[in-house]
PDB file of N, CA and C in Angstrom:
ATOM      1  N   UNK A   1      -1.840  -4.291 -12.479  1.00  0.00           N
ATOM      2  CA  UNK A   1      -1.642  -4.625 -11.126  1.00  0.00           C
ATOM      3  C   UNK A   1      -0.771  -5.797 -10.887  1.00  0.00           C
ATOM      4  N   UNK A   2      -1.001  -6.823 -11.622  1.00  0.00           N
ATOM      5  CA  UNK A   2      -0.150  -7.980 -11.586  1.00  0.00           C
ATOM      6  C   UNK A   2       1.396  -7.741 -11.654  1.00  0.00           C
ATOM      7  N   UNK A   3       1.678  -6.838 -12.738  1.00  0.00           N
ATOM      8  CA  UNK A   3       3.154  -6.542 -12.939  1.00  0.00           C
ATOM      9  C   UNK A   3       3.693  -5.782 -11.787  1.00  0.00           C
ATOM     10  N   UNK A   4       2.995  -4.781 -11.262  1.00  0.00           N
ATOM     11  CA  UNK A   4       3.502  -3.937 -10.210  1.00  0.00           C
ATOM     12  C   UNK A   4       3.564  -4.788  -8.873  1.00  0.00           C
ATOM     13  N   UNK A   5       2.597  -5.694  -8.634  1.00  0.00           N
ATOM     14  CA  UNK A   5       2.704  -6.595  -7.506  1.00  0.00           C
ATOM     15  C   UNK A   5       3.861  -7.534  -7.623  1.00  0.00           C
ATOM     16  N   UNK A   6       4.105  -8.046  -8.744  1.00  0.00           N
ATOM     17  CA  UNK A   6       5.299  -8.870  -9.002  1.00  0.00           C
ATOM     18  C   UNK A   6       6.610  -8.138  -8.652  1.00  0.00           C
ATOM     19  N   UNK A   7       6.805  -6.888  -9.170  1.00  0.00           N
ATOM     20  CA  UNK A   7       7.979  -6.165  -8.790  1.00  0.00           C
ATOM     21  C   UNK A   7       8.039  -5.727  -7.316  1.00  0.00           C
ATOM     22  N   UNK A   8       6.922  -5.618  -6.736  1.00  0.00           N
ATOM     23  CA  UNK A   8       6.883  -5.310  -5.251  1.00  0.00           C
ATOM     24  C   UNK A   8       7.252  -6.482  -4.416  1.00  0.00           C
ATOM     25  N   UNK A   9       6.955  -7.682  -4.844  1.00  0.00           N
ATOM     26  CA  UNK A   9       7.201  -8.968  -4.182  1.00  0.00           C
ATOM     27  C   UNK A   9       8.630  -9.397  -4.292  1.00  0.00           C
ATOM     28  N   UNK A  10       9.328  -9.012  -5.416  1.00  0.00           N
ATOM     29  CA  UNK A  10      10.614  -9.542  -5.668  1.00  0.00           C
ATOM     30  C   UNK A  10      11.624  -9.190  -4.545  1.00  0.00           C
ATOM     31  N   UNK A  11      11.687  -7.925  -3.988  1.00  0.00           N
ATOM     32  CA  UNK A  11      12.585  -7.702  -2.919  1.00  0.00           C
ATOM     33  C   UNK A  11      12.399  -8.649  -1.681  1.00  0.00           C
ATOM     34  N   UNK A  12      11.194  -8.999  -1.404  1.00  0.00           N
ATOM     35  CA  UNK A  12      10.923  -9.922  -0.268  1.00  0.00           C
ATOM     36  C   UNK A  12      11.434 -11.247  -0.553  1.00  0.00           C
ATOM     37  N   UNK A  13      11.383 -11.752  -1.730  1.00  0.00           N
ATOM     38  CA  UNK A  13      11.867 -12.998  -2.146  1.00  0.00           C
ATOM     39  C   UNK A  13      13.393 -13.048  -2.197  1.00  0.00           C
ATOM     40  N   UNK A  14      13.950 -12.024  -2.688  1.00  0.00           N
ATOM     41  CA  UNK A  14      15.438 -11.931  -2.748  1.00  0.00           C
ATOM     42  C   UNK A  14      16.027 -11.773  -1.359  1.00  0.00           C
ATOM     43  N   UNK A  15      15.395 -10.978  -0.445  1.00  0.00           N
ATOM     44  CA  UNK A  15      15.916 -10.832   0.874  1.00  0.00           C
ATOM     45  C   UNK A  15      15.993 -12.104   1.641  1.00  0.00           C
ATOM     46  N   UNK A  16      15.187 -13.072   1.417  1.00  0.00           N
ATOM     47  CA  UNK A  16      15.296 -14.320   2.070  1.00  0.00           C
ATOM     48  C   UNK A  16      16.527 -15.061   1.686  1.00  0.00           C
ATOM     49  N   UNK A  17      16.906 -15.121   0.426  1.00  0.00           N
ATOM     50  CA  UNK A  17      18.062 -15.769  -0.106  1.00  0.00           C
ATOM     51  C   UNK A  17      19.388 -14.995   0.504  1.00  0.00           C
ATOM     52  N   UNK A  18      19.320 -13.672   0.390  1.00  0.00           N
ATOM     53  CA  UNK A  18      20.491 -12.929   0.936  1.00  0.00           C
ATOM     54  C   UNK A  18      20.716 -13.202   2.356  1.00  0.00           C
ATOM     55  N   UNK A  19      19.594 -13.150   3.105  1.00  0.00           N
ATOM     56  CA  UNK A  19      19.720 -13.441   4.578  1.00  0.00           C
ATOM     57  C   UNK A  19      20.280 -14.791   4.864  1.00  0.00           C
ATOM     58  N   UNK A  20      19.848 -15.747   4.128  1.00  0.00           N
ATOM     59  CA  UNK A  20      20.349 -17.122   4.233  1.00  0.00           C
ATOM     60  C   UNK A  20      21.774 -17.240   3.938  1.00  0.00           C
ATOM     61  N   UNK A  21      22.175 -16.520   2.829  1.00  0.00           N
ATOM     62  CA  UNK A  21      23.596 -16.590   2.458  1.00  0.00           C
ATOM     63  C   UNK A  21      24.436 -15.922   3.593  1.00  0.00           C
ATOM     64  N   UNK A  22      23.980 -14.796   4.047  1.00  0.00           N
ATOM     65  CA  UNK A  22      24.759 -14.065   5.181  1.00  0.00           C
ATOM     66  C   UNK A  22      24.856 -14.969   6.324  1.00  0.00           C
ATOM     67  N   UNK A  23      23.796 -15.607   6.748  1.00  0.00           N
ATOM     68  CA  UNK A  23      23.734 -16.486   7.937  1.00  0.00           C
ATOM     69  C   UNK A  23      24.746 -17.607   7.703  1.00  0.00           C
ATOM     70  N   UNK A  24      24.683 -18.264   6.525  1.00  0.00           N
ATOM     71  CA  UNK A  24      25.601 -19.354   6.271  1.00  0.00           C
ATOM     72  C   UNK A  24      27.104 -18.946   6.372  1.00  0.00           C
ATOM     73  N   UNK A  25      27.306 -17.702   5.800  1.00  0.00           N
ATOM     74  CA  UNK A  25      28.757 -17.242   5.735  1.00  0.00           C
ATOM     75  C   UNK A  25      29.284 -16.833   7.015  1.00  0.00           C
ATOM     76  N   UNK A  26      28.430 -16.197   7.843  1.00  0.00           N
ATOM     77  CA  UNK A  26      28.914 -15.575   9.151  1.00  0.00           C
ATOM     78  C   UNK A  26      28.408 -16.391  10.349  1.00  0.00           C
ATOM     79  N   UNK A  27      27.325 -16.986  10.280  1.00  0.00           N
ATOM     80  CA  UNK A  27      26.761 -17.745  11.435  1.00  0.00           C
ATOM     81  C   UNK A  27      26.215 -16.837  12.407  1.00  0.00           C
ATOM     82  N   UNK A  28      25.905 -15.546  12.110  1.00  0.00           N
ATOM     83  CA  UNK A  28      25.468 -14.522  13.015  1.00  0.00           C
ATOM     84  C   UNK A  28      24.386 -13.633  12.354  1.00  0.00           C
ATOM     85  N   UNK A  29      23.524 -13.134  13.236  1.00  0.00           N
ATOM     86  CA  UNK A  29      22.485 -12.219  12.665  1.00  0.00           C
ATOM     87  C   UNK A  29      22.914 -10.829  12.665  1.00  0.00           C
ATOM     88  N   UNK A  30      24.145 -10.493  13.148  1.00  0.00           N
ATOM     89  CA  UNK A  30      24.571  -9.128  13.302  1.00  0.00           C
ATOM     90  C   UNK A  30      24.627  -8.376  11.965  1.00  0.00           C
ATOM     91  N   UNK A  31      25.223  -8.961  10.969  1.00  0.00           N
ATOM     92  CA  UNK A  31      25.269  -8.268   9.724  1.00  0.00           C
ATOM     93  C   UNK A  31      23.932  -8.034   9.034  1.00  0.00           C
ATOM     94  N   UNK A  32      23.038  -9.023   9.234  1.00  0.00           N
ATOM     95  CA  UNK A  32      21.637  -8.930   8.737  1.00  0.00           C
ATOM     96  C   UNK A  32      20.935  -7.630   9.370  1.00  0.00           C
ATOM     97  N   UNK A  33      20.965  -7.505  10.604  1.00  0.00           N
ATOM     98  CA  UNK A  33      20.398  -6.454  11.338  1.00  0.00           C
ATOM     99  C   UNK A  33      21.027  -5.074  11.026  1.00  0.00           C
ATOM    100  N   UNK A  34      22.424  -5.154  10.861  1.00  0.00           N
ATOM    101  CA  UNK A  34      23.104  -3.854  10.453  1.00  0.00           C
ATOM    102  C   UNK A  34      22.695  -3.413   9.105  1.00  0.00           C
ATOM    103  N   UNK A  35      22.484  -4.341   8.141  1.00  0.00           N
ATOM    104  CA  UNK A  35      22.077  -3.960   6.782  1.00  0.00           C
ATOM    105  C   UNK A  35      20.673  -3.415   6.791  1.00  0.00           C
ATOM    106  N   UNK A  36      19.834  -4.097   7.608  1.00  0.00           N
ATOM    107  CA  UNK A  36      18.446  -3.602   7.716  1.00  0.00           C
ATOM    108  C   UNK A  36      18.398  -2.184   8.337  1.00  0.00           C
ATOM    109  N   UNK A  37      19.195  -1.934   9.282  1.00  0.00           N
ATOM    110  CA  UNK A  37      19.261  -0.629   9.980  1.00  0.00           C
ATOM    111  C   UNK A  37      19.786   0.413   8.925  1.00  0.00           C
ATOM    112  N   UNK A  38      20.822   0.009   8.128  1.00  0.00           N
ATOM    113  CA  UNK A  38      21.308   0.918   7.190  1.00  0.00           C
ATOM    114  C   UNK A  38      20.361   1.262   6.091  1.00  0.00           C
ATOM    115  N   UNK A  39      19.518   0.333   5.596  1.00  0.00           N
ATOM    116  CA  UNK A  39      18.545   0.573   4.622  1.00  0.00           C
ATOM    117  C   UNK A  39      17.461   1.490   5.194  1.00  0.00           C
ATOM    118  N   UNK A  40      17.082   1.307   6.486  1.00  0.00           N
ATOM    119  CA  UNK A  40      16.148   2.189   7.132  1.00  0.00           C
ATOM    120  C   UNK A  40      16.648   3.583   7.358  1.00  0.00           C
ATOM    121  N   UNK A  41      17.902   3.705   7.769  1.00  0.00           N
ATOM    122  CA  UNK A  41      18.527   4.988   7.812  1.00  0.00           C
ATOM    123  C   UNK A  41      18.639   5.714   6.509  1.00  0.00           C
ATOM    124  N   UNK A  42      18.965   5.069   5.507  1.00  0.00           N
ATOM    125  CA  UNK A  42      18.970   5.641   4.171  1.00  0.00           C
ATOM    126  C   UNK A  42      17.648   6.163   3.839  1.00  0.00           C
ATOM    127  N   UNK A  43      16.574   5.416   4.036  1.00  0.00           N
ATOM    128  CA  UNK A  43      15.226   5.835   3.692  1.00  0.00           C
ATOM    129  C   UNK A  43      14.813   7.011   4.490  1.00  0.00           C
ATOM    130  N   UNK A  44      15.154   7.036   5.747  1.00  0.00           N
ATOM    131  CA  UNK A  44      14.836   8.215   6.601  1.00  0.00           C
ATOM    132  C   UNK A  44      15.568   9.432   6.139  1.00  0.00           C
ATOM    133  N   UNK A  45      16.843   9.429   5.794  1.00  0.00           N
ATOM    134  CA  UNK A  45      17.517  10.480   5.332  1.00  0.00           C
ATOM    135  C   UNK A  45      16.974  11.069   4.031  1.00  0.00           C
ATOM    136  N   UNK A  46      16.737  10.101   3.067  1.00  0.00           N
ATOM    137  CA  UNK A  46      16.112  10.430   1.859  1.00  0.00           C
ATOM    138  C   UNK A  46      14.806  11.164   1.986  1.00  0.00           C
ATOM    139  N   UNK A  47      13.984  10.692   2.833  1.00  0.00           N
ATOM    140  CA  UNK A  47      12.720  11.315   3.132  1.00  0.00           C
ATOM    141  C   UNK A  47      12.919  12.695   3.785  1.00  0.00           C
ATOM    142  N   UNK A  48      13.862  12.875   4.672  1.00  0.00           N
ATOM    143  CA  UNK A  48      14.059  14.165   5.364  1.00  0.00           C
ATOM    144  C   UNK A  48      14.572  15.191   4.283  1.00  0.00           C
ATOM    145  N   UNK A  49      15.362  14.756   3.354  1.00  0.00           N
ATOM    146  CA  UNK A  49      15.980  15.686   2.481  1.00  0.00           C
ATOM    147  C   UNK A  49      14.917  16.161   1.371  1.00  0.00           C
ATOM    148  N   UNK A  50      14.052  15.159   0.887  1.00  0.00           N
ATOM    149  CA  UNK A  50      13.208  15.488  -0.224  1.00  0.00           C
ATOM    150  C   UNK A  50      11.690  15.662   0.179  1.00  0.00           C
ATOM    151  N   UNK A  51      11.410  15.423   1.338  1.00  0.00           N
ATOM    152  CA  UNK A  51       9.897  15.517   1.820  1.00  0.00           C
ATOM    153  C   UNK A  51       9.570  17.067   1.936  1.00  0.00           C
ATOM    154  N   UNK A  52       8.299  17.322   1.654  1.00  0.00           N
ATOM    155  CA  UNK A  52       7.814  18.674   1.805  1.00  0.00           C
ATOM    156  C   UNK A  52       6.485  18.701   2.445  1.00  0.00           C
ATOM    157  N   UNK A  53       6.227  19.718   3.180  1.00  0.00           N
ATOM    158  CA  UNK A  53       4.868  19.870   3.778  1.00  0.00           C
ATOM    159  C   UNK A  53       3.876  20.653   2.966  1.00  0.00           C
ATOM    160  N   UNK A  54       4.264  21.000   1.802  1.00  0.00           N
ATOM    161  CA  UNK A  54       3.427  21.871   0.887  1.00  0.00           C
ATOM    162  C   UNK A  54       2.261  21.030   0.296  1.00  0.00           C
ATOM    163  N   UNK A  55       1.038  21.616   0.216  1.00  0.00           N
ATOM    164  CA  UNK A  55      -0.084  21.021  -0.370  1.00  0.00           C
ATOM    165  C   UNK A  55       0.089  20.833  -1.926  1.00  0.00           C
ATOM    166  N   UNK A  56      -0.108  19.616  -2.431  1.00  0.00           N
ATOM    167  CA  UNK A  56       0.151  19.402  -3.830  1.00  0.00           C
ATOM    168  C   UNK A  56      -1.131  19.593  -4.705  1.00  0.00           C
ATOM    169  N   UNK A  57      -2.224  19.069  -4.032  1.00  0.00           N
ATOM    170  CA  UNK A  57      -3.519  19.073  -4.793  1.00  0.00           C
ATOM    171  C   UNK A  57      -4.596  19.825  -4.085  1.00  0.00           C
ATOM    172  N   UNK A  58      -5.491  20.387  -4.747  1.00  0.00           N
ATOM    173  CA  UNK A  58      -6.647  21.079  -4.152  1.00  0.00           C
ATOM    174  C   UNK A  58      -7.724  20.190  -3.765  1.00  0.00           C
TER     175      UNK A  58
END
């Protein structure tokens, strides 16, 4: 559990530094929100392509 929780926490830690870098470089939140929207859109499209309504287990 500790290893999986560590890997699950890393994106949250890295995102803070990336956001800070973007804000320092541009001085605006626009790119941060566009990147967030892009990641969400990618997740939605991936889900819509590969999701299924079939029952997997009895």
